[in-house]
N, C-alpha and C. Protein backbone atom coordinates (compact mmCIF):
# COMPACT_ATOMS: atom_id res chain seq x y z
N ASN A 1 121.55 98.71 84.82
CA ASN A 1 121.49 97.63 83.85
C ASN A 1 121.48 96.29 84.57
N PRO A 2 120.71 95.33 84.04
CA PRO A 2 120.72 93.99 84.65
C PRO A 2 122.09 93.33 84.52
N VAL A 3 122.38 92.45 85.45
CA VAL A 3 123.63 91.69 85.44
C VAL A 3 123.31 90.30 84.89
N PRO A 4 124.04 89.82 83.87
CA PRO A 4 123.77 88.49 83.33
C PRO A 4 124.02 87.41 84.39
N GLU A 5 123.16 86.39 84.40
CA GLU A 5 123.28 85.35 85.42
C GLU A 5 124.58 84.55 85.31
N ASP A 6 125.24 84.60 84.15
CA ASP A 6 126.49 83.85 83.99
C ASP A 6 127.73 84.70 84.30
N SER A 7 127.52 85.85 84.94
CA SER A 7 128.67 86.68 85.36
C SER A 7 129.50 85.91 86.37
N VAL A 8 130.79 85.99 86.19
CA VAL A 8 131.69 85.23 87.07
C VAL A 8 131.84 85.92 88.43
N PRO A 9 132.02 85.13 89.48
CA PRO A 9 132.35 85.74 90.77
C PRO A 9 133.59 86.63 90.60
N THR A 10 133.68 87.67 91.34
CA THR A 10 134.68 88.75 91.30
C THR A 10 134.30 89.87 90.33
N THR A 11 133.15 89.73 89.61
CA THR A 11 132.69 90.80 88.73
C THR A 11 132.20 91.97 89.59
N VAL A 12 132.68 93.16 89.27
CA VAL A 12 132.23 94.37 89.97
C VAL A 12 130.92 94.81 89.34
N VAL A 13 129.87 94.96 90.16
CA VAL A 13 128.56 95.35 89.64
C VAL A 13 128.16 96.77 90.04
N ALA A 14 128.85 97.34 91.02
CA ALA A 14 128.56 98.72 91.43
C ALA A 14 129.74 99.28 92.21
N VAL A 15 129.84 100.59 92.20
CA VAL A 15 130.82 101.30 93.02
C VAL A 15 130.04 102.23 93.93
N ILE A 16 130.30 102.12 95.22
CA ILE A 16 129.57 102.89 96.21
C ILE A 16 130.52 103.90 96.84
N SER A 17 130.10 105.14 96.85
CA SER A 17 130.90 106.21 97.44
C SER A 17 130.22 106.65 98.73
N ILE A 18 131.01 106.80 99.78
CA ILE A 18 130.47 107.24 101.07
C ILE A 18 131.17 108.53 101.48
N ARG A 19 130.49 109.29 102.35
CA ARG A 19 131.06 110.56 102.78
C ARG A 19 130.61 110.84 104.20
N ASP A 20 131.54 111.18 105.04
CA ASP A 20 131.26 111.62 106.40
C ASP A 20 132.13 112.85 106.64
N ARG A 21 131.51 113.95 106.90
CA ARG A 21 132.24 115.22 107.02
C ARG A 21 132.89 115.43 108.38
N ASP A 22 132.69 114.48 109.29
CA ASP A 22 133.33 114.59 110.61
C ASP A 22 134.83 114.32 110.50
N SER A 23 135.55 114.64 111.56
CA SER A 23 136.98 114.38 111.59
C SER A 23 137.27 113.30 112.64
N GLY A 24 138.48 112.78 112.62
CA GLY A 24 138.89 111.75 113.58
C GLY A 24 138.07 110.48 113.42
N ASP A 25 137.87 109.77 114.55
CA ASP A 25 137.10 108.52 114.51
C ASP A 25 135.68 108.74 113.99
N ASN A 26 135.11 109.89 114.27
CA ASN A 26 133.75 110.17 113.81
C ASN A 26 133.66 110.21 112.29
N GLY A 27 134.77 110.41 111.61
CA GLY A 27 134.79 110.46 110.16
C GLY A 27 135.22 109.15 109.51
N GLU A 28 135.63 108.17 110.32
CA GLU A 28 136.04 106.86 109.81
C GLU A 28 134.77 106.01 109.61
N VAL A 29 134.53 105.56 108.39
CA VAL A 29 133.29 104.85 108.08
C VAL A 29 133.60 103.48 107.49
N SER A 30 132.82 102.49 107.90
CA SER A 30 132.90 101.16 107.28
C SER A 30 131.52 100.80 106.75
N CYS A 31 131.49 99.93 105.75
CA CYS A 31 130.24 99.53 105.11
C CYS A 31 130.08 98.02 105.17
N ALA A 32 128.83 97.58 105.21
CA ALA A 32 128.52 96.15 105.21
C ALA A 32 127.19 95.93 104.49
N ILE A 33 127.06 94.74 103.91
CA ILE A 33 125.80 94.33 103.28
C ILE A 33 124.96 93.63 104.33
N ASP A 34 123.70 94.01 104.41
CA ASP A 34 122.78 93.35 105.33
C ASP A 34 122.28 92.05 104.70
N GLY A 35 122.25 90.98 105.48
CA GLY A 35 121.69 89.72 105.00
C GLY A 35 122.72 88.82 104.35
N ASP A 36 122.24 87.67 103.92
CA ASP A 36 123.08 86.64 103.30
C ASP A 36 122.82 86.63 101.80
N LEU A 37 123.63 87.38 101.06
CA LEU A 37 123.46 87.53 99.62
C LEU A 37 124.73 87.10 98.90
N PRO A 38 124.64 86.78 97.61
CA PRO A 38 125.83 86.35 96.88
C PRO A 38 126.71 87.52 96.41
N PHE A 39 126.87 88.50 97.26
CA PHE A 39 127.69 89.67 96.96
C PHE A 39 128.56 89.99 98.16
N ARG A 40 129.61 90.77 97.92
CA ARG A 40 130.45 91.24 99.01
C ARG A 40 130.91 92.66 98.68
N LEU A 41 131.31 93.37 99.71
CA LEU A 41 131.86 94.71 99.55
C LEU A 41 133.36 94.67 99.79
N GLU A 42 134.10 95.35 98.94
CA GLU A 42 135.55 95.48 99.13
C GLU A 42 135.92 96.95 99.05
N PRO A 43 136.77 97.40 99.97
CA PRO A 43 137.24 98.79 99.85
C PRO A 43 137.99 98.95 98.54
N SER A 44 137.75 100.07 97.87
CA SER A 44 138.40 100.32 96.59
C SER A 44 139.46 101.41 96.75
N SER A 45 139.05 102.50 97.31
CA SER A 45 139.95 103.60 97.63
C SER A 45 139.30 104.34 98.79
N GLU A 46 139.88 105.43 99.19
CA GLU A 46 139.32 106.15 100.32
C GLU A 46 137.86 106.54 100.03
N ASN A 47 136.96 106.14 100.92
CA ASN A 47 135.54 106.44 100.83
C ASN A 47 134.81 105.78 99.66
N THR A 48 135.40 104.75 99.08
CA THR A 48 134.78 104.06 97.96
C THR A 48 134.86 102.55 98.17
N TYR A 49 133.74 101.87 97.88
CA TYR A 49 133.66 100.42 97.97
C TYR A 49 133.17 99.85 96.65
N LYS A 50 133.61 98.63 96.34
CA LYS A 50 133.13 97.91 95.16
C LYS A 50 132.15 96.84 95.62
N LEU A 51 130.99 96.75 94.96
CA LEU A 51 130.05 95.67 95.18
C LEU A 51 130.38 94.59 94.16
N ILE A 52 130.76 93.41 94.67
CA ILE A 52 131.30 92.34 93.83
C ILE A 52 130.44 91.08 93.97
N ILE A 53 130.27 90.37 92.86
CA ILE A 53 129.59 89.08 92.91
C ILE A 53 130.50 88.12 93.65
N ALA A 54 129.96 87.46 94.68
CA ALA A 54 130.75 86.54 95.51
C ALA A 54 130.53 85.09 95.14
N SER A 55 129.36 84.75 94.59
CA SER A 55 129.07 83.38 94.18
C SER A 55 128.10 83.42 93.00
N ALA A 56 127.92 82.27 92.37
CA ALA A 56 127.13 82.18 91.14
C ALA A 56 125.71 82.70 91.33
N LEU A 57 125.21 83.37 90.28
CA LEU A 57 123.83 83.85 90.26
C LEU A 57 122.99 82.90 89.42
N ASP A 58 121.71 82.76 89.77
CA ASP A 58 120.79 81.90 89.02
C ASP A 58 119.46 82.64 88.90
N ARG A 59 119.16 83.14 87.71
CA ARG A 59 117.95 83.93 87.52
C ARG A 59 116.69 83.12 87.80
N GLU A 60 116.73 81.83 87.56
CA GLU A 60 115.56 81.00 87.82
C GLU A 60 115.25 80.92 89.32
N THR A 61 116.25 81.14 90.16
CA THR A 61 116.05 81.14 91.60
C THR A 61 115.72 82.56 92.10
N ASP A 62 116.52 83.53 91.68
CA ASP A 62 116.32 84.93 92.08
C ASP A 62 116.51 85.83 90.86
N SER A 63 115.45 86.50 90.45
CA SER A 63 115.53 87.37 89.28
C SER A 63 116.00 88.78 89.64
N ALA A 64 115.99 89.10 90.94
CA ALA A 64 116.47 90.40 91.41
C ALA A 64 116.87 90.29 92.88
N TYR A 65 117.76 91.15 93.27
CA TYR A 65 118.23 91.18 94.66
C TYR A 65 117.99 92.58 95.22
N ASN A 66 117.42 92.63 96.40
CA ASN A 66 117.29 93.88 97.15
C ASN A 66 118.49 93.92 98.09
N ILE A 67 119.40 94.83 97.82
CA ILE A 67 120.65 94.90 98.57
C ILE A 67 120.61 96.14 99.46
N THR A 68 120.77 95.95 100.75
CA THR A 68 120.82 97.06 101.70
C THR A 68 122.24 97.15 102.24
N ILE A 69 122.80 98.34 102.12
CA ILE A 69 124.16 98.59 102.59
C ILE A 69 124.09 99.55 103.77
N THR A 70 124.76 99.18 104.85
CA THR A 70 124.79 100.01 106.05
C THR A 70 126.20 100.59 106.22
N ALA A 71 126.27 101.89 106.36
CA ALA A 71 127.53 102.59 106.63
C ALA A 71 127.51 103.03 108.09
N THR A 72 128.57 102.71 108.82
CA THR A 72 128.66 103.04 110.25
C THR A 72 129.97 103.76 110.52
N ASP A 73 129.90 104.85 111.29
CA ASP A 73 131.15 105.53 111.63
C ASP A 73 131.71 104.97 112.94
N ARG A 74 132.93 105.42 113.29
CA ARG A 74 133.58 104.90 114.49
C ARG A 74 133.42 105.83 115.67
N GLY A 75 132.49 106.76 115.58
CA GLY A 75 132.27 107.70 116.68
C GLY A 75 131.63 107.03 117.88
N SER A 76 131.52 107.78 118.94
CA SER A 76 130.88 107.26 120.15
C SER A 76 129.85 108.29 120.60
N PRO A 77 128.58 108.02 120.44
CA PRO A 77 128.00 106.80 119.90
C PRO A 77 128.15 106.75 118.38
N ALA A 78 128.20 105.53 117.86
CA ALA A 78 128.34 105.34 116.42
C ALA A 78 127.06 105.76 115.71
N LEU A 79 127.22 106.47 114.61
CA LEU A 79 126.09 106.85 113.77
C LEU A 79 126.11 105.98 112.52
N TRP A 80 124.94 105.77 111.94
CA TRP A 80 124.87 104.90 110.76
C TRP A 80 123.81 105.41 109.80
N SER A 81 123.92 104.92 108.58
CA SER A 81 122.95 105.24 107.54
C SER A 81 122.83 104.03 106.63
N ARG A 82 121.64 103.86 106.05
CA ARG A 82 121.40 102.74 105.14
C ARG A 82 120.98 103.24 103.77
N ALA A 83 121.37 102.50 102.76
CA ALA A 83 120.92 102.76 101.39
C ALA A 83 120.56 101.42 100.77
N ALA A 84 119.53 101.42 99.94
CA ALA A 84 119.08 100.18 99.31
C ALA A 84 119.17 100.33 97.80
N LEU A 85 119.50 99.23 97.15
CA LEU A 85 119.48 99.20 95.69
C LEU A 85 118.93 97.87 95.23
N VAL A 86 118.36 97.87 94.04
CA VAL A 86 117.82 96.65 93.45
C VAL A 86 118.71 96.28 92.28
N LEU A 87 119.18 95.04 92.28
CA LEU A 87 120.03 94.54 91.21
C LEU A 87 119.27 93.44 90.48
N GLU A 88 118.93 93.69 89.22
CA GLU A 88 118.21 92.70 88.42
C GLU A 88 119.18 91.77 87.74
N VAL A 89 118.79 90.51 87.62
CA VAL A 89 119.61 89.49 86.97
C VAL A 89 118.95 89.13 85.65
N SER A 90 119.71 89.21 84.57
CA SER A 90 119.16 88.88 83.26
C SER A 90 119.40 87.40 82.93
N ASP A 91 118.49 86.85 82.15
CA ASP A 91 118.53 85.44 81.81
C ASP A 91 119.55 85.16 80.72
N VAL A 92 120.22 84.04 80.85
CA VAL A 92 121.14 83.55 79.83
C VAL A 92 120.68 82.14 79.52
N ASN A 93 120.58 81.81 78.25
CA ASN A 93 120.13 80.46 77.87
C ASN A 93 121.13 79.45 78.38
N ASP A 94 120.72 78.69 79.41
CA ASP A 94 121.64 77.71 80.01
C ASP A 94 121.24 76.27 79.68
N ASN A 95 120.52 76.09 78.59
CA ASN A 95 120.18 74.74 78.11
C ASN A 95 121.14 74.31 77.02
């Protein structure tokens, strides 16, 4: 579902679940958003992150965001995986 452009920062827009079947450091995973976007990731519980609005959205500037999330384990060498999602912003009459 599209996110209204007047959604306040701290609004949770998605929950991301990660899984690594390895043990020890190889099973410890962290996630990050690629690029400079008005969103942030916060750990929610074990293996789960919340995608949160970090700053104001403006549909007239960006009607959708392509968000790429990279998960990296703590193994040596570190392994990683990427997933992409599209978040559409819906218009709110701001006149």
